[in-house]
Amino acid sequence: TKVRKTVSQLSGKLKIYIQDVFRKAEINKASKIYE
């Protein structure tokens, strides 16, 4: 959980970009599990 909290502590564009990466990773891995 600390990894996720680290992302939430970021600011500016880096926070937005990395949050987007994590969200897309969740969707990607969900697709793999669904397969």
PDB file of all heavy atoms in Angstrom:
ATOM      1  N   THR A   1       0.835  -1.207   0.000  1.00  0.00           N
ATOM      2  CA  THR A   1       0.000   0.000   0.000  1.00  0.00           C
ATOM      3  C   THR A   1       0.867   1.253   0.000  1.00  0.00           C
ATOM      4  O   THR A   1       0.500   2.285  -0.566  1.00  0.00           O
ATOM      5  CB  THR A   1      -0.937  -0.005   1.234  1.00  0.00           C
ATOM      6  OG1 THR A   1      -1.728  -1.190   1.195  1.00  0.00           O
ATOM      7  CG2 THR A   1      -1.837   1.207   1.250  1.00  0.00           C
ATOM      8  N   LYS A   2       2.049   1.150   0.601  1.00  0.00           N
ATOM      9  CA  LYS A   2       2.987   2.280   0.665  1.00  0.00           C
ATOM     10  C   LYS A   2       3.364   2.760  -0.742  1.00  0.00           C
ATOM     11  O   LYS A   2       3.540   3.964  -0.962  1.00  0.00           O
ATOM     12  CB  LYS A   2       4.239   1.860   1.432  1.00  0.00           C
ATOM     13  CG  LYS A   2       5.275   2.939   1.605  1.00  0.00           C
ATOM     14  CD  LYS A   2       6.468   2.398   2.393  1.00  0.00           C
ATOM     15  CE  LYS A   2       7.599   3.386   2.435  1.00  0.00           C
ATOM     16  NZ  LYS A   2       8.784   2.831   3.124  1.00  0.00           N
ATOM     17  N   VAL A   3       3.443   1.837  -1.687  1.00  0.00           N
ATOM     18  CA  VAL A   3       3.768   2.224  -3.063  1.00  0.00           C
ATOM     19  C   VAL A   3       2.697   3.172  -3.587  1.00  0.00           C
ATOM     20  O   VAL A   3       3.004   4.208  -4.178  1.00  0.00           O
ATOM     21  CB  VAL A   3       3.904   0.977  -3.970  1.00  0.00           C
ATOM     22  CG1 VAL A   3       4.079   1.384  -5.419  1.00  0.00           C
ATOM     23  CG2 VAL A   3       5.067   0.110  -3.513  1.00  0.00           C
ATOM     24  N   ARG A   4       1.427   2.818  -3.378  1.00  0.00           N
ATOM     25  CA  ARG A   4       0.335   3.672  -3.837  1.00  0.00           C
ATOM     26  C   ARG A   4       0.333   5.021  -3.131  1.00  0.00           C
ATOM     27  O   ARG A   4       0.062   6.049  -3.737  1.00  0.00           O
ATOM     28  CB  ARG A   4      -1.013   2.980  -3.623  1.00  0.00           C
ATOM     29  CG  ARG A   4      -1.249   1.813  -4.508  1.00  0.00           C
ATOM     30  CD  ARG A   4      -1.055   2.223  -5.969  1.00  0.00           C
ATOM     31  NE  ARG A   4      -1.787   1.355  -6.811  1.00  0.00           N
ATOM     32  CZ  ARG A   4      -2.736   1.747  -7.624  1.00  0.00           C
ATOM     33  NH1 ARG A   4      -3.072   2.996  -7.726  1.00  0.00           N
ATOM     34  NH2 ARG A   4      -3.344   0.882  -8.382  1.00  0.00           N
ATOM     35  N   LYS A   5       0.637   4.993  -1.847  1.00  0.00           N
ATOM     36  CA  LYS A   5       0.675   6.250  -1.092  1.00  0.00           C
ATOM     37  C   LYS A   5       1.793   7.150  -1.595  1.00  0.00           C
ATOM     38  O   LYS A   5       1.668   8.368  -1.591  1.00  0.00           O
ATOM     39  CB  LYS A   5       0.833   5.967   0.402  1.00  0.00           C
ATOM     40  CG  LYS A   5      -0.418   5.409   1.033  1.00  0.00           C
ATOM     41  CD  LYS A   5      -0.244   5.180   2.514  1.00  0.00           C
ATOM     42  CE  LYS A   5      -1.521   4.603   3.105  1.00  0.00           C
ATOM     43  NZ  LYS A   5      -1.367   4.251   4.516  1.00  0.00           N
ATOM     44  N   THR A   6       2.880   6.538  -2.037  1.00  0.00           N
ATOM     45  CA  THR A   6       3.993   7.307  -2.589  1.00  0.00           C
ATOM     46  C   THR A   6       3.541   8.095  -3.812  1.00  0.00           C
ATOM     47  O   THR A   6       3.905   9.255  -3.983  1.00  0.00           O
ATOM     48  CB  THR A   6       5.164   6.363  -2.949  1.00  0.00           C
ATOM     49  OG1 THR A   6       5.587   5.703  -1.763  1.00  0.00           O
ATOM     50  CG2 THR A   6       6.327   7.119  -3.540  1.00  0.00           C
ATOM     51  N   VAL A   7       2.716   7.479  -4.638  1.00  0.00           N
ATOM     52  CA  VAL A   7       2.196   8.151  -5.832  1.00  0.00           C
ATOM     53  C   VAL A   7       1.308   9.319  -5.415  1.00  0.00           C
ATOM     54  O   VAL A   7       1.401  10.414  -5.991  1.00  0.00           O
ATOM     55  CB  VAL A   7       1.420   7.166  -6.734  1.00  0.00           C
ATOM     56  CG1 VAL A   7       0.766   7.895  -7.896  1.00  0.00           C
ATOM     57  CG2 VAL A   7       2.340   6.070  -7.242  1.00  0.00           C
ATOM     58  N   SER A   8       0.479   9.121  -4.409  1.00  0.00           N
ATOM     59  CA  SER A   8      -0.438  10.185  -3.995  1.00  0.00           C
ATOM     60  C   SER A   8       0.294  11.363  -3.373  1.00  0.00           C
ATOM     61  O   SER A   8      -0.242  12.465  -3.312  1.00  0.00           O
ATOM     62  CB  SER A   8      -1.495   9.645  -3.029  1.00  0.00           C
ATOM     63  OG  SER A   8      -0.901   9.250  -1.819  1.00  0.00           O
ATOM     64  N   GLN A   9       1.537  11.167  -2.925  1.00  0.00           N
ATOM     65  CA  GLN A   9       2.316  12.246  -2.331  1.00  0.00           C
ATOM     66  C   GLN A   9       3.022  13.117  -3.381  1.00  0.00           C
ATOM     67  O   GLN A   9       3.558  14.156  -3.046  1.00  0.00           O
ATOM     68  CB  GLN A   9       3.344  11.677  -1.353  1.00  0.00           C
ATOM     69  CG  GLN A   9       2.711  11.040  -0.148  1.00  0.00           C
ATOM     70  CD  GLN A   9       3.704  10.267   0.697  1.00  0.00           C
ATOM     71  OE1 GLN A   9       4.865  10.124   0.352  1.00  0.00           O
ATOM     72  NE2 GLN A   9       3.233   9.748   1.815  1.00  0.00           N
ATOM     73  N   LEU A  10       3.012  12.650  -4.625  1.00  0.00           N
ATOM     74  CA  LEU A  10       3.628  13.438  -5.690  1.00  0.00           C
ATOM     75  C   LEU A  10       2.779  14.658  -5.990  1.00  0.00           C
ATOM     76  O   LEU A  10       1.636  14.763  -5.542  1.00  0.00           O
ATOM     77  CB  LEU A  10       3.770  12.586  -6.959  1.00  0.00           C
ATOM     78  CG  LEU A  10       4.736  11.416  -6.883  1.00  0.00           C
ATOM     79  CD1 LEU A  10       4.588  10.534  -8.117  1.00  0.00           C
ATOM     80  CD2 LEU A  10       6.163  11.915  -6.760  1.00  0.00           C
ATOM     81  N   SER A  11       3.317  15.548  -6.795  1.00  0.00           N
ATOM     82  CA  SER A  11       2.538  16.719  -7.198  1.00  0.00           C
ATOM     83  C   SER A  11       2.787  17.016  -8.669  1.00  0.00           C
ATOM     84  O   SER A  11       3.715  16.479  -9.285  1.00  0.00           O
ATOM     85  CB  SER A  11       2.918  17.929  -6.335  1.00  0.00           C
ATOM     86  OG  SER A  11       4.276  18.252  -6.528  1.00  0.00           O
ATOM     87  N   GLY A  12       1.958  17.862  -9.208  1.00  0.00           N
ATOM     88  CA  GLY A  12       2.122  18.321 -10.582  1.00  0.00           C
ATOM     89  C   GLY A  12       1.925  17.242 -11.626  1.00  0.00           C
ATOM     90  O   GLY A  12       1.200  16.268 -11.428  1.00  0.00           O
ATOM     91  N   LYS A  13       2.611  17.440 -12.739  1.00  0.00           N
ATOM     92  CA  LYS A  13       2.466  16.543 -13.881  1.00  0.00           C
ATOM     93  C   LYS A  13       2.953  15.126 -13.575  1.00  0.00           C
ATOM     94  O   LYS A  13       2.367  14.159 -14.044  1.00  0.00           O
ATOM     95  CB  LYS A  13       3.217  17.094 -15.091  1.00  0.00           C
ATOM     96  CG  LYS A  13       2.571  18.308 -15.700  1.00  0.00           C
ATOM     97  CD  LYS A  13       3.316  18.753 -16.938  1.00  0.00           C
ATOM     98  CE  LYS A  13       2.651  19.980 -17.528  1.00  0.00           C
ATOM     99  NZ  LYS A  13       3.344  20.441 -18.729  1.00  0.00           N
ATOM    100  N   LEU A  14       4.016  15.001 -12.791  1.00  0.00           N
ATOM    101  CA  LEU A  14       4.532  13.673 -12.476  1.00  0.00           C
ATOM    102  C   LEU A  14       3.465  12.836 -11.777  1.00  0.00           C
ATOM    103  O   LEU A  14       3.279  11.661 -12.092  1.00  0.00           O
ATOM    104  CB  LEU A  14       5.790  13.773 -11.609  1.00  0.00           C
ATOM    105  CG  LEU A  14       6.482  12.448 -11.284  1.00  0.00           C
ATOM    106  CD1 LEU A  14       6.932  11.739 -12.563  1.00  0.00           C
ATOM    107  CD2 LEU A  14       7.677  12.679 -10.364  1.00  0.00           C
ATOM    108  N   LYS A  15       2.735  13.443 -10.854  1.00  0.00           N
ATOM    109  CA  LYS A  15       1.663  12.727 -10.154  1.00  0.00           C
ATOM    110  C   LYS A  15       0.594  12.265 -11.143  1.00  0.00           C
ATOM    111  O   LYS A  15       0.166  11.108 -11.107  1.00  0.00           O
ATOM    112  CB  LYS A  15       1.030  13.623  -9.089  1.00  0.00           C
ATOM    113  CG  LYS A  15      -0.103  12.959  -8.335  1.00  0.00           C
ATOM    114  CD  LYS A  15      -0.663  13.869  -7.261  1.00  0.00           C
ATOM    115  CE  LYS A  15      -1.733  13.159  -6.458  1.00  0.00           C
ATOM    116  NZ  LYS A  15      -2.191  13.988  -5.320  1.00  0.00           N
ATOM    117  N   ILE A  16       0.178  13.145 -12.017  1.00  0.00           N
ATOM    118  CA  ILE A  16      -0.863  12.812 -13.001  1.00  0.00           C
ATOM    119  C   ILE A  16      -0.387  11.683 -13.914  1.00  0.00           C
ATOM    120  O   ILE A  16      -1.120  10.721 -14.157  1.00  0.00           O
ATOM    121  CB  ILE A  16      -1.246  14.062 -13.823  1.00  0.00           C
ATOM    122  CG1 ILE A  16      -1.935  15.084 -12.915  1.00  0.00           C
ATOM    123  CG2 ILE A  16      -2.140  13.688 -15.004  1.00  0.00           C
ATOM    124  CD1 ILE A  16      -2.071  16.460 -13.520  1.00  0.00           C
ATOM    125  N   TYR A  17       0.830  11.790 -14.403  1.00  0.00           N
ATOM    126  CA  TYR A  17       1.368  10.774 -15.309  1.00  0.00           C
ATOM    127  C   TYR A  17       1.471   9.408 -14.632  1.00  0.00           C
ATOM    128  O   TYR A  17       1.101   8.391 -15.199  1.00  0.00           O
ATOM    129  CB  TYR A  17       2.736  11.190 -15.850  1.00  0.00           C
ATOM    130  CG  TYR A  17       2.722  12.397 -16.759  1.00  0.00           C
ATOM    131  CD1 TYR A  17       3.813  13.241 -16.832  1.00  0.00           C
ATOM    132  CD2 TYR A  17       1.618  12.700 -17.549  1.00  0.00           C
ATOM    133  CE1 TYR A  17       3.821  14.353 -17.672  1.00  0.00           C
ATOM    134  CE2 TYR A  17       1.613  13.801 -18.380  1.00  0.00           C
ATOM    135  CZ  TYR A  17       2.715  14.628 -18.436  1.00  0.00           C
ATOM    136  OH  TYR A  17       2.718  15.720 -19.264  1.00  0.00           O
ATOM    137  N   ILE A  18       1.999   9.404 -13.421  1.00  0.00           N
ATOM    138  CA  ILE A  18       2.211   8.126 -12.738  1.00  0.00           C
ATOM    139  C   ILE A  18       0.876   7.516 -12.283  1.00  0.00           C
ATOM    140  O   ILE A  18       0.696   6.306 -12.362  1.00  0.00           O
ATOM    141  CB  ILE A  18       3.227   8.278 -11.586  1.00  0.00           C
ATOM    142  CG1 ILE A  18       4.607   8.545 -12.213  1.00  0.00           C
ATOM    143  CG2 ILE A  18       3.254   7.049 -10.699  1.00  0.00           C
ATOM    144  CD1 ILE A  18       5.742   8.728 -11.255  1.00  0.00           C
ATOM    145  N   GLN A  19      -0.068   8.342 -11.871  1.00  0.00           N
ATOM    146  CA  GLN A  19      -1.402   7.824 -11.559  1.00  0.00           C
ATOM    147  C   GLN A  19      -2.027   7.176 -12.794  1.00  0.00           C
ATOM    148  O   GLN A  19      -2.645   6.115 -12.696  1.00  0.00           O
ATOM    149  CB  GLN A  19      -2.322   8.939 -11.049  1.00  0.00           C
ATOM    150  CG  GLN A  19      -2.067   9.326  -9.621  1.00  0.00           C
ATOM    151  CD  GLN A  19      -2.936  10.488  -9.164  1.00  0.00           C
ATOM    152  OE1 GLN A  19      -3.326  11.350  -9.954  1.00  0.00           O
ATOM    153  NE2 GLN A  19      -3.237  10.510  -7.876  1.00  0.00           N
ATOM    154  N   ASP A  20      -1.836   7.808 -13.940  1.00  0.00           N
ATOM    155  CA  ASP A  20      -2.356   7.256 -15.188  1.00  0.00           C
ATOM    156  C   ASP A  20      -1.694   5.914 -15.517  1.00  0.00           C
ATOM    157  O   ASP A  20      -2.366   4.976 -15.941  1.00  0.00           O
ATOM    158  CB  ASP A  20      -2.138   8.254 -16.332  1.00  0.00           C
ATOM    159  CG  ASP A  20      -2.789   7.815 -17.623  1.00  0.00           C
ATOM    160  OD1 ASP A  20      -4.003   7.512 -17.618  1.00  0.00           O
ATOM    161  OD2 ASP A  20      -2.078   7.758 -18.654  1.00  0.00           O
ATOM    162  N   VAL A  21      -0.399   5.825 -15.292  1.00  0.00           N
ATOM    163  CA  VAL A  21       0.316   4.568 -15.542  1.00  0.00           C
ATOM    164  C   VAL A  21      -0.242   3.460 -14.653  1.00  0.00           C
ATOM    165  O   VAL A  21      -0.514   2.348 -15.120  1.00  0.00           O
ATOM    166  CB  VAL A  21       1.842   4.732 -15.315  1.00  0.00           C
ATOM    167  CG1 VAL A  21       2.532   3.379 -15.256  1.00  0.00           C
ATOM    168  CG2 VAL A  21       2.461   5.593 -16.401  1.00  0.00           C
ATOM    169  N   PHE A  22      -0.444   3.754 -13.373  1.00  0.00           N
ATOM    170  CA  PHE A  22      -0.976   2.748 -12.460  1.00  0.00           C
ATOM    171  C   PHE A  22      -2.391   2.330 -12.859  1.00  0.00           C
ATOM    172  O   PHE A  22      -2.733   1.142 -12.803  1.00  0.00           O
ATOM    173  CB  PHE A  22      -0.949   3.240 -11.008  1.00  0.00           C
ATOM    174  CG  PHE A  22       0.323   2.896 -10.289  1.00  0.00           C
ATOM    175  CD1 PHE A  22       1.424   3.730 -10.346  1.00  0.00           C
ATOM    176  CD2 PHE A  22       0.421   1.723  -9.556  1.00  0.00           C
ATOM    177  CE1 PHE A  22       2.600   3.416  -9.692  1.00  0.00           C
ATOM    178  CE2 PHE A  22       1.594   1.392  -8.893  1.00  0.00           C
ATOM    179  CZ  PHE A  22       2.691   2.239  -8.954  1.00  0.00           C
ATOM    180  N   ARG A  23      -3.216   3.266 -13.260  1.00  0.00           N
ATOM    181  CA  ARG A  23      -4.593   2.934 -13.658  1.00  0.00           C
ATOM    182  C   ARG A  23      -4.587   2.040 -14.894  1.00  0.00           C
ATOM    183  O   ARG A  23      -5.302   1.040 -14.952  1.00  0.00           O
ATOM    184  CB  ARG A  23      -5.391   4.219 -13.929  1.00  0.00           C
ATOM    185  CG  ARG A  23      -6.844   3.963 -14.173  1.00  0.00           C
ATOM    186  CD  ARG A  23      -7.468   3.395 -12.925  1.00  0.00           C
ATOM    187  NE  ARG A  23      -8.871   3.100 -13.152  1.00  0.00           N
ATOM    188  CZ  ARG A  23      -9.571   2.333 -12.366  1.00  0.00           C
ATOM    189  NH1 ARG A  23      -9.030   1.803 -11.299  1.00  0.00           N
ATOM    190  NH2 ARG A  23     -10.828   2.098 -12.617  1.00  0.00           N
ATOM    191  N   LYS A  24      -3.781   2.394 -15.870  1.00  0.00           N
ATOM    192  CA  LYS A  24      -3.705   1.573 -17.081  1.00  0.00           C
ATOM    193  C   LYS A  24      -3.109   0.198 -16.780  1.00  0.00           C
ATOM    194  O   LYS A  24      -3.499  -0.797 -17.388  1.00  0.00           O
ATOM    195  CB  LYS A  24      -2.907   2.295 -18.165  1.00  0.00           C
ATOM    196  CG  LYS A  24      -3.683   3.465 -18.747  1.00  0.00           C
ATOM    197  CD  LYS A  24      -2.904   4.219 -19.789  1.00  0.00           C
ATOM    198  CE  LYS A  24      -3.734   5.369 -20.338  1.00  0.00           C
ATOM    199  NZ  LYS A  24      -2.977   6.215 -21.265  1.00  0.00           N
ATOM    200  N   ALA A  25      -2.182   0.137 -15.840  1.00  0.00           N
ATOM    201  CA  ALA A  25      -1.599  -1.149 -15.445  1.00  0.00           C
ATOM    202  C   ALA A  25      -2.660  -2.039 -14.804  1.00  0.00           C
ATOM    203  O   ALA A  25      -2.700  -3.246 -15.049  1.00  0.00           O
ATOM    204  CB  ALA A  25      -0.433  -0.931 -14.488  1.00  0.00           C
ATOM    205  N   GLU A  26      -3.516  -1.448 -13.982  1.00  0.00           N
ATOM    206  CA  GLU A  26      -4.604  -2.225 -13.373  1.00  0.00           C
ATOM    207  C   GLU A  26      -5.511  -2.816 -14.443  1.00  0.00           C
ATOM    208  O   GLU A  26      -5.891  -3.983 -14.368  1.00  0.00           O
ATOM    209  CB  GLU A  26      -5.425  -1.345 -12.430  1.00  0.00           C
ATOM    210  CG  GLU A  26      -4.713  -0.987 -11.151  1.00  0.00           C
ATOM    211  CD  GLU A  26      -5.438   0.065 -10.337  1.00  0.00           C
ATOM    212  OE1 GLU A  26      -6.259   0.829 -10.905  1.00  0.00           O
ATOM    213  OE2 GLU A  26      -5.178   0.139  -9.128  1.00  0.00           O
ATOM    214  N   ILE A  27      -5.836  -2.012 -15.431  1.00  0.00           N
ATOM    215  CA  ILE A  27      -6.713  -2.481 -16.509  1.00  0.00           C
ATOM    216  C   ILE A  27      -6.009  -3.555 -17.331  1.00  0.00           C
ATOM    217  O   ILE A  27      -6.600  -4.584 -17.680  1.00  0.00           O
ATOM    218  CB  ILE A  27      -7.175  -1.295 -17.384  1.00  0.00           C
ATOM    219  CG1 ILE A  27      -8.023  -0.327 -16.551  1.00  0.00           C
ATOM    220  CG2 ILE A  27      -7.945  -1.789 -18.600  1.00  0.00           C
ATOM    221  CD1 ILE A  27      -8.268   1.019 -17.199  1.00  0.00           C
ATOM    222  N   ASN A  28      -4.730  -3.346 -17.616  1.00  0.00           N
ATOM    223  CA  ASN A  28      -3.954  -4.328 -18.379  1.00  0.00           C
ATOM    224  C   ASN A  28      -3.905  -5.659 -17.639  1.00  0.00           C
ATOM    225  O   ASN A  28      -4.128  -6.727 -18.229  1.00  0.00           O
ATOM    226  CB  ASN A  28      -2.541  -3.795 -18.626  1.00  0.00           C
ATOM    227  CG  ASN A  28      -1.645  -4.797 -19.306  1.00  0.00           C
ATOM    228  OD1 ASN A  28      -1.161  -5.739 -18.673  1.00  0.00           O
ATOM    229  ND2 ASN A  28      -1.413  -4.605 -20.590  1.00  0.00           N
ATOM    230  N   LYS A  29      -3.599  -5.628 -16.365  1.00  0.00           N
ATOM    231  CA  LYS A  29      -3.492  -6.866 -15.581  1.00  0.00           C
ATOM    232  C   LYS A  29      -4.866  -7.511 -15.399  1.00  0.00           C
ATOM    233  O   LYS A  29      -4.979  -8.741 -15.371  1.00  0.00           O
ATOM    234  CB  LYS A  29      -2.804  -6.619 -14.238  1.00  0.00           C
ATOM    235  CG  LYS A  29      -1.343  -6.248 -14.398  1.00  0.00           C
ATOM    236  CD  LYS A  29      -0.593  -7.331 -15.175  1.00  0.00           C
ATOM    237  CE  LYS A  29       0.690  -6.855 -15.759  1.00  0.00           C
ATOM    238  NZ  LYS A  29       1.312  -7.818 -16.646  1.00  0.00           N
ATOM    239  N   ALA A  30      -5.896  -6.701 -15.291  1.00  0.00           N
ATOM    240  CA  ALA A  30      -7.251  -7.258 -15.225  1.00  0.00           C
ATOM    241  C   ALA A  30      -7.555  -8.031 -16.504  1.00  0.00           C
ATOM    242  O   ALA A  30      -8.124  -9.133 -16.465  1.00  0.00           O
ATOM    243  CB  ALA A  30      -8.275  -6.135 -15.026  1.00  0.00           C
ATOM    244  N   SER A  31      -7.155  -7.481 -17.619  1.00  0.00           N
ATOM    245  CA  SER A  31      -7.360  -8.160 -18.900  1.00  0.00           C
ATOM    246  C   SER A  31      -6.614  -9.488 -18.942  1.00  0.00           C
ATOM    247  O   SER A  31      -7.143 -10.499 -19.420  1.00  0.00           O
ATOM    248  CB  SER A  31      -6.893  -7.248 -20.040  1.00  0.00           C
ATOM    249  OG  SER A  31      -6.960  -7.919 -21.269  1.00  0.00           O
ATOM    250  N   LYS A  32      -5.388  -9.501 -18.428  1.00  0.00           N
ATOM    251  CA  LYS A  32      -4.597 -10.740 -18.405  1.00  0.00           C
ATOM    252  C   LYS A  32      -5.253 -11.794 -17.509  1.00  0.00           C
ATOM    253  O   LYS A  32      -5.283 -12.973 -17.848  1.00  0.00           O
ATOM    254  CB  LYS A  32      -3.173 -10.469 -17.902  1.00  0.00           C
ATOM    255  CG  LYS A  32      -2.383  -9.532 -18.765  1.00  0.00           C
ATOM    256  CD  LYS A  32      -1.857 -10.228 -19.967  1.00  0.00           C
ATOM    257  CE  LYS A  32      -0.916  -9.284 -20.708  1.00  0.00           C
ATOM    258  NZ  LYS A  32      -0.637  -9.722 -22.040  1.00  0.00           N
ATOM    259  N   ILE A  33      -5.768 -11.368 -16.371  1.00  0.00           N
ATOM    260  CA  ILE A  33      -6.436 -12.306 -15.470  1.00  0.00           C
ATOM    261  C   ILE A  33      -7.722 -12.817 -16.116  1.00  0.00           C
ATOM    262  O   ILE A  33      -8.032 -14.013 -16.044  1.00  0.00           O
ATOM    263  CB  ILE A  33      -6.695 -11.655 -14.097  1.00  0.00           C
ATOM    264  CG1 ILE A  33      -5.357 -11.443 -13.370  1.00  0.00           C
ATOM    265  CG2 ILE A  33      -7.646 -12.499 -13.247  1.00  0.00           C
ATOM    266  CD1 ILE A  33      -5.458 -10.648 -12.092  1.00  0.00           C
ATOM    267  N   TYR A  34      -8.436 -11.931 -16.767  1.00  0.00           N
ATOM    268  CA  TYR A  34      -9.658 -12.325 -17.483  1.00  0.00           C
ATOM    269  C   TYR A  34      -9.342 -13.374 -18.557  1.00  0.00           C
ATOM    270  O   TYR A  34     -10.079 -14.341 -18.739  1.00  0.00           O
ATOM    271  CB  TYR A  34     -10.310 -11.081 -18.093  1.00  0.00           C
ATOM    272  CG  TYR A  34     -11.477 -11.369 -18.997  1.00  0.00           C
ATOM    273  CD1 TYR A  34     -12.647 -11.941 -18.503  1.00  0.00           C
ATOM    274  CD2 TYR A  34     -11.415 -11.069 -20.351  1.00  0.00           C
ATOM    275  CE1 TYR A  34     -13.715 -12.207 -19.334  1.00  0.00           C
ATOM    276  CE2 TYR A  34     -12.476 -11.329 -21.191  1.00  0.00           C
ATOM    277  CZ  TYR A  34     -13.630 -11.897 -20.677  1.00  0.00           C
ATOM    278  OH  TYR A  34     -14.688 -12.159 -21.506  1.00  0.00           O
ATOM    279  N   GLU A  35      -8.213 -13.215 -19.236  1.00  0.00           N
ATOM    280  CA  GLU A  35      -7.795 -14.191 -20.252  1.00  0.00           C
ATOM    281  C   GLU A  35      -7.542 -15.565 -19.640  1.00  0.00           C
ATOM    282  O   GLU A  35      -7.600 -16.573 -20.330  1.00  0.00           O
ATOM    283  CB  GLU A  35      -6.517 -13.718 -20.957  1.00  0.00           C
ATOM    284  CG  GLU A  35      -6.729 -12.569 -21.902  1.00  0.00           C
ATOM    285  CD  GLU A  35      -5.421 -12.021 -22.472  1.00  0.00           C
ATOM    286  OE1 GLU A  35      -4.343 -12.634 -22.238  1.00  0.00           O
ATOM    287  OE2 GLU A  35      -5.473 -10.983 -23.134  1.00  0.00           O
TER     288      GLU A  35
END
